[in-house]
Amino acid sequence: MTFMRFCGSVAIPPKPAPAFPTGSQSQLLAKSSKTANVYAEYLAHDAAAAGVQVPSIDDMGRKFPYRVDDARHVLEVGQPAIELAGVKLALESSSGSLVLSITNTTDGDLAYSVVTAPVPNISECTSSQPIAQNALVIAKGATERRVECVYRNDMALAITRVESISVPPLSAWMLGLVPPSAIGLDPRTSRGHQGVKTTETCSANISQAVRAGLEKGQIGWRDLVDFYARHRCPTYRFPLSYKAFTSDNQYALPAVDSSM
């Protein structure tokens, strides 16, 4: 048997750094999406898909005009239309259904919410056939018609809250990606929603934390719409601390959850 002996120690070269960053693909995507550069790339990508001019980050950071009317109004079939918070509302009966017409009276695209309750309130409202509609945005000069309930003689409609936000073209397109349930819209009035057709999908489920925030009044329709009008929903998650902009460039964009 032969024994070999070396004097001194043998130096081992340091382990080379990994060729790629560590972490899952989803973790890396979440980390990169926080940067302004990646956010700007998403704006350019989505503007091309929407066929609109690419806005700057500064453009996306501007305050969106907001209107609200929270007084109770009652509409009857055939009654003259009423104008509230940027929309004109009229009630009609059509094919056995109670139908509300909502017309955009502003000079641009409008995100909207009209909270209603049939009078009397009956249980079989959702048995009526819905009409195809955009339940989140009304284009400039357009009218959306939605089925409120099956129609009964002398039925009316109570309007308890109307909100609207004027949004630029890309924001209107981005909101078209969002399922109505993700911002807590009533399934009764958002049936038949047709948004933007795309291969990218957004979750239709609202998180328990967001739902609880809506129920407690800590999160409002305006907060959710304002966020998704600035952030594409397939990529960005609504932060529970987010509030709608009340001044230009109030927060840096993208406004992301620190836990992402």
Protein backbone atom coordinates (compact mmCIF):
# COMPACT_ATOMS: atom_id res chain seq x y z
CA MET A 1 0.00 0.00 0.00
CA THR A 2 1.22 3.50 -0.83
CA PHE A 3 0.59 6.53 1.34
CA MET A 4 0.90 10.10 0.02
CA ARG A 5 1.24 13.12 2.27
CA PHE A 6 1.07 16.82 1.36
CA CYS A 7 2.54 19.61 3.34
CA GLY A 8 0.31 22.62 3.95
CA SER A 9 -3.36 23.00 3.18
CA VAL A 10 -5.08 22.68 -0.16
CA ALA A 11 -6.97 25.82 -1.22
CA ILE A 12 -10.49 25.13 -2.51
CA PRO A 13 -11.83 27.75 -4.93
CA PRO A 14 -14.99 29.56 -3.77
CA LYS A 15 -18.33 28.21 -4.95
CA PRO A 16 -19.45 30.17 -7.97
CA ALA A 17 -22.55 32.32 -7.67
CA PRO A 18 -25.71 30.81 -9.12
CA ALA A 19 -26.30 31.69 -12.74
CA PHE A 20 -29.85 32.84 -12.00
CA PRO A 21 -31.52 34.48 -8.99
CA THR A 22 -32.97 32.11 -6.43
CA GLY A 23 -36.68 31.87 -5.69
CA SER A 24 -39.73 30.58 -7.49
CA GLN A 25 -40.83 32.10 -10.78
CA SER A 26 -43.91 33.61 -9.14
CA GLN A 27 -41.78 35.16 -6.40
CA LEU A 28 -39.43 36.68 -8.94
CA LEU A 29 -42.33 38.01 -11.01
CA ALA A 30 -43.91 39.57 -7.93
CA LYS A 31 -40.61 41.17 -6.98
CA SER A 32 -39.98 42.60 -10.45
CA SER A 33 -43.54 43.88 -10.85
CA LYS A 34 -42.91 46.27 -7.96
CA THR A 35 -40.49 48.31 -10.04
CA ALA A 36 -41.49 51.42 -11.98
CA ASN A 37 -39.70 50.16 -15.09
CA VAL A 38 -41.71 46.92 -15.23
CA TYR A 39 -44.91 48.84 -14.44
CA ALA A 40 -44.18 51.14 -17.40
CA GLU A 41 -43.61 48.10 -19.64
CA TYR A 42 -47.02 46.73 -18.63
CA LEU A 43 -48.61 50.10 -19.50
CA ALA A 44 -47.04 49.97 -22.96
CA HIS A 45 -48.10 46.33 -23.47
CA ASP A 46 -51.70 46.97 -22.43
CA ALA A 47 -51.98 50.22 -24.39
CA ALA A 48 -50.97 48.30 -27.52
CA ALA A 49 -53.61 45.64 -26.78
CA ALA A 50 -56.25 48.32 -26.16
CA GLY A 51 -55.25 50.38 -29.20
CA VAL A 52 -54.80 53.58 -27.19
CA GLN A 53 -51.95 56.00 -26.55
CA VAL A 54 -49.40 54.87 -23.98
CA PRO A 55 -49.77 56.95 -20.80
CA SER A 56 -46.80 57.92 -18.66
CA ILE A 57 -46.53 56.90 -15.02
CA ASP A 58 -47.24 60.54 -14.20
CA ASP A 59 -50.45 60.35 -16.25
CA MET A 60 -51.54 57.25 -14.36
CA GLY A 61 -50.85 59.00 -11.06
CA ARG A 62 -53.37 61.77 -11.60
CA LYS A 63 -56.51 62.05 -9.50
CA PHE A 64 -59.59 60.70 -11.29
CA PRO A 65 -62.73 62.90 -11.01
CA TYR A 66 -65.18 61.27 -8.61
CA ARG A 67 -68.91 61.87 -8.13
CA VAL A 68 -71.34 60.43 -5.60
CA ASP A 69 -75.04 60.72 -4.74
CA ASP A 70 -76.10 58.80 -1.66
CA ALA A 71 -79.65 60.12 -1.32
CA ARG A 72 -82.51 57.67 -1.80
CA HIS A 73 -84.47 58.06 -5.04
CA VAL A 74 -87.39 55.98 -6.33
CA LEU A 75 -87.86 55.41 -10.07
CA GLU A 76 -91.05 54.12 -11.64
CA VAL A 77 -91.57 52.70 -15.11
CA GLY A 78 -92.28 55.54 -17.55
CA GLN A 79 -91.10 58.25 -15.16
CA PRO A 80 -88.77 60.87 -16.71
CA ALA A 81 -85.10 60.00 -16.40
CA ILE A 82 -83.10 61.42 -13.50
CA GLU A 83 -79.46 62.50 -13.56
CA LEU A 84 -77.22 61.55 -10.64
CA ALA A 85 -73.43 61.63 -10.29
CA GLY A 86 -72.64 61.69 -14.00
CA VAL A 87 -75.26 59.19 -15.20
CA LYS A 88 -78.85 59.43 -16.42
CA LEU A 89 -81.20 56.72 -15.14
CA ALA A 90 -84.49 55.55 -16.64
CA LEU A 91 -86.67 52.55 -15.81
CA GLU A 92 -88.66 50.43 -18.25
CA SER A 93 -90.36 47.06 -18.52
CA SER A 94 -89.16 44.82 -21.33
CA SER A 95 -90.03 41.18 -22.08
CA GLY A 96 -91.27 40.61 -18.54
CA SER A 97 -88.22 42.20 -16.90
CA LEU A 98 -87.60 45.42 -14.98
CA VAL A 99 -84.75 47.11 -16.87
CA LEU A 100 -82.63 50.06 -15.78
CA SER A 101 -80.98 52.18 -18.49
CA ILE A 102 -77.79 53.92 -17.38
CA THR A 103 -76.41 56.62 -19.71
CA ASN A 104 -73.01 58.28 -19.44
CA THR A 105 -73.54 62.06 -19.45
CA THR A 106 -69.87 63.00 -19.12
CA ASP A 107 -67.32 63.75 -21.85
CA GLY A 108 -65.24 60.58 -21.30
CA ASP A 109 -65.33 56.95 -20.18
CA LEU A 110 -66.96 56.39 -16.82
CA ALA A 111 -66.56 53.70 -14.17
CA TYR A 112 -69.87 53.47 -12.33
CA SER A 113 -71.82 51.87 -9.54
CA VAL A 114 -75.60 52.17 -9.15
CA VAL A 115 -76.89 50.44 -6.01
CA THR A 116 -80.58 49.55 -6.24
CA ALA A 117 -83.37 47.53 -4.65
CA PRO A 118 -86.67 46.55 -6.32
CA VAL A 119 -89.82 47.83 -4.58
CA PRO A 120 -91.32 45.56 -3.41
CA ASN A 121 -88.22 43.42 -3.01
CA ILE A 122 -89.02 39.91 -4.23
CA SER A 123 -86.93 36.75 -4.09
CA GLU A 124 -87.13 35.64 -7.73
CA CYS A 125 -85.32 38.63 -9.28
CA THR A 126 -82.46 36.53 -10.63
CA SER A 127 -84.87 34.24 -12.49
CA SER A 128 -85.17 36.91 -15.20
CA GLN A 129 -82.91 36.62 -18.25
CA PRO A 130 -79.95 39.06 -18.03
CA ILE A 131 -78.93 41.46 -20.82
CA ALA A 132 -75.32 41.61 -22.02
CA GLN A 133 -73.74 44.66 -20.41
CA ASN A 134 -70.52 46.17 -19.13
CA ALA A 135 -71.19 46.30 -15.40
CA LEU A 136 -68.08 48.37 -14.60
CA VAL A 137 -67.54 51.00 -17.31
CA ILE A 138 -69.79 53.02 -19.62
CA ALA A 139 -68.07 54.41 -22.70
CA LYS A 140 -68.41 58.08 -23.61
CA GLY A 141 -71.94 58.77 -24.89
CA ALA A 142 -73.03 55.16 -24.35
CA THR A 143 -75.90 53.53 -22.44
CA GLU A 144 -75.80 50.26 -20.52
CA ARG A 145 -79.04 48.39 -19.84
CA ARG A 146 -79.29 45.90 -17.03
CA VAL A 147 -82.06 43.65 -15.75
CA GLU A 148 -83.03 44.46 -12.17
CA CYS A 149 -85.75 41.89 -11.59
CA VAL A 150 -88.74 40.16 -13.12
CA TYR A 151 -91.46 42.75 -13.70
CA ARG A 152 -94.66 42.91 -11.65
CA ASN A 153 -97.41 45.51 -11.95
CA ASP A 154 -96.69 48.73 -10.06
CA MET A 155 -93.11 47.66 -9.32
CA ALA A 156 -90.58 50.47 -8.76
CA LEU A 157 -86.86 50.71 -8.13
CA ALA A 158 -85.15 52.34 -5.16
CA ILE A 159 -81.74 53.86 -5.97
CA THR A 160 -79.74 54.14 -2.78
CA ARG A 161 -76.27 55.14 -3.98
CA VAL A 162 -74.66 56.22 -7.25
CA GLU A 163 -70.90 56.59 -7.69
CA SER A 164 -68.83 57.30 -10.77
CA ILE A 165 -65.19 57.87 -11.66
CA SER A 166 -64.03 59.47 -14.91
CA VAL A 167 -61.18 57.34 -16.24
CA PRO A 168 -58.74 57.68 -19.17
CA PRO A 169 -58.92 55.21 -22.09
CA LEU A 170 -56.31 52.72 -20.85
CA SER A 171 -57.88 52.66 -17.39
CA ALA A 172 -61.28 51.90 -18.93
CA TRP A 173 -59.71 48.97 -20.79
CA MET A 174 -57.90 47.71 -17.67
CA LEU A 175 -61.15 47.79 -15.69
CA GLY A 176 -62.64 45.64 -18.43
CA LEU A 177 -60.32 42.85 -17.25
CA VAL A 178 -61.80 42.87 -13.75
CA PRO A 179 -64.65 40.47 -12.84
CA PRO A 180 -67.50 42.35 -11.08
CA SER A 181 -67.29 39.98 -8.12
CA ALA A 182 -63.66 41.04 -7.51
CA ILE A 183 -64.83 44.51 -6.51
CA GLY A 184 -67.89 43.33 -4.59
CA LEU A 185 -70.63 44.18 -7.11
CA ASP A 186 -74.07 42.71 -6.48
CA PRO A 187 -74.52 39.51 -8.56
CA ARG A 188 -78.16 40.46 -9.14
CA THR A 189 -77.25 43.57 -11.11
CA SER A 190 -73.90 42.50 -12.61
CA ARG A 191 -75.25 39.41 -14.38
CA GLY A 192 -74.55 39.43 -18.08
CA HIS A 193 -71.30 41.36 -17.67
CA GLN A 194 -69.02 41.29 -20.68
CA GLY A 195 -65.59 42.82 -20.26
CA VAL A 196 -62.39 42.76 -22.29
CA LYS A 197 -61.70 39.47 -24.03
CA THR A 198 -58.11 38.42 -23.36
CA THR A 199 -56.08 35.30 -22.69
CA GLU A 200 -54.97 36.75 -19.35
CA THR A 201 -57.37 36.09 -16.51
CA CYS A 202 -58.11 37.76 -13.20
CA SER A 203 -59.44 35.94 -10.19
CA ALA A 204 -63.20 36.28 -9.84
CA ASN A 205 -62.96 35.59 -6.11
CA ILE A 206 -62.77 38.44 -3.64
CA SER A 207 -60.45 37.76 -0.72
CA GLN A 208 -61.92 37.35 2.74
CA ALA A 209 -59.87 40.34 3.92
CA VAL A 210 -61.24 42.59 1.17
CA ARG A 211 -64.77 41.32 1.74
CA ALA A 212 -64.47 42.06 5.45
CA GLY A 213 -63.10 45.53 4.66
CA LEU A 214 -66.09 46.24 2.40
CA GLU A 215 -68.56 45.04 5.03
CA LYS A 216 -66.94 47.19 7.73
CA GLY A 217 -66.69 50.25 5.48
CA GLN A 218 -62.89 50.23 5.63
CA ILE A 219 -62.67 49.64 1.86
CA GLY A 220 -64.98 51.32 -0.63
CA TRP A 221 -66.00 50.75 -4.24
CA ARG A 222 -63.99 53.86 -5.11
CA ASP A 223 -60.80 52.40 -3.59
CA LEU A 224 -61.04 49.13 -5.54
CA VAL A 225 -61.91 50.78 -8.85
CA ASP A 226 -59.23 53.44 -8.44
CA PHE A 227 -56.63 50.71 -7.86
CA TYR A 228 -57.61 48.56 -10.83
CA ALA A 229 -57.87 51.62 -13.05
CA ARG A 230 -54.12 52.05 -12.42
CA HIS A 231 -52.97 48.42 -12.00
CA ARG A 232 -53.65 45.47 -14.32
CA CYS A 233 -55.50 42.85 -12.30
CA PRO A 234 -53.70 39.77 -13.75
CA THR A 235 -50.46 41.08 -12.21
CA TYR A 236 -51.20 43.28 -9.20
CA ARG A 237 -53.06 42.44 -6.00
CA PHE A 238 -55.15 45.02 -4.15
CA PRO A 239 -53.32 46.13 -0.97
CA LEU A 240 -55.63 46.36 2.03
CA SER A 241 -54.16 49.76 2.95
CA TYR A 242 -54.85 51.27 -0.49
CA LYS A 243 -57.07 54.35 -0.74
CA ALA A 244 -58.24 56.14 -3.86
CA PHE A 245 -56.09 59.06 -4.95
CA THR A 246 -57.47 62.40 -3.75
CA SER A 247 -54.62 64.42 -5.29
CA ASP A 248 -52.25 64.00 -8.23
CA ASN A 249 -49.37 61.57 -7.68
CA GLN A 250 -50.42 60.97 -4.09
CA TYR A 251 -48.58 57.65 -4.02
CA ALA A 252 -45.76 56.18 -6.06
CA LEU A 253 -46.81 53.72 -8.74
CA PRO A 254 -47.10 50.84 -8.74
CA ALA A 255 -48.76 50.84 -5.33
CA VAL A 256 -48.12 47.30 -4.18
CA ASP A 257 -48.48 45.32 -1.00
CA SER A 258 -45.18 45.22 0.86
CA SER A 259 -45.72 41.49 1.46
CA MET A 260 -45.65 40.70 -2.28
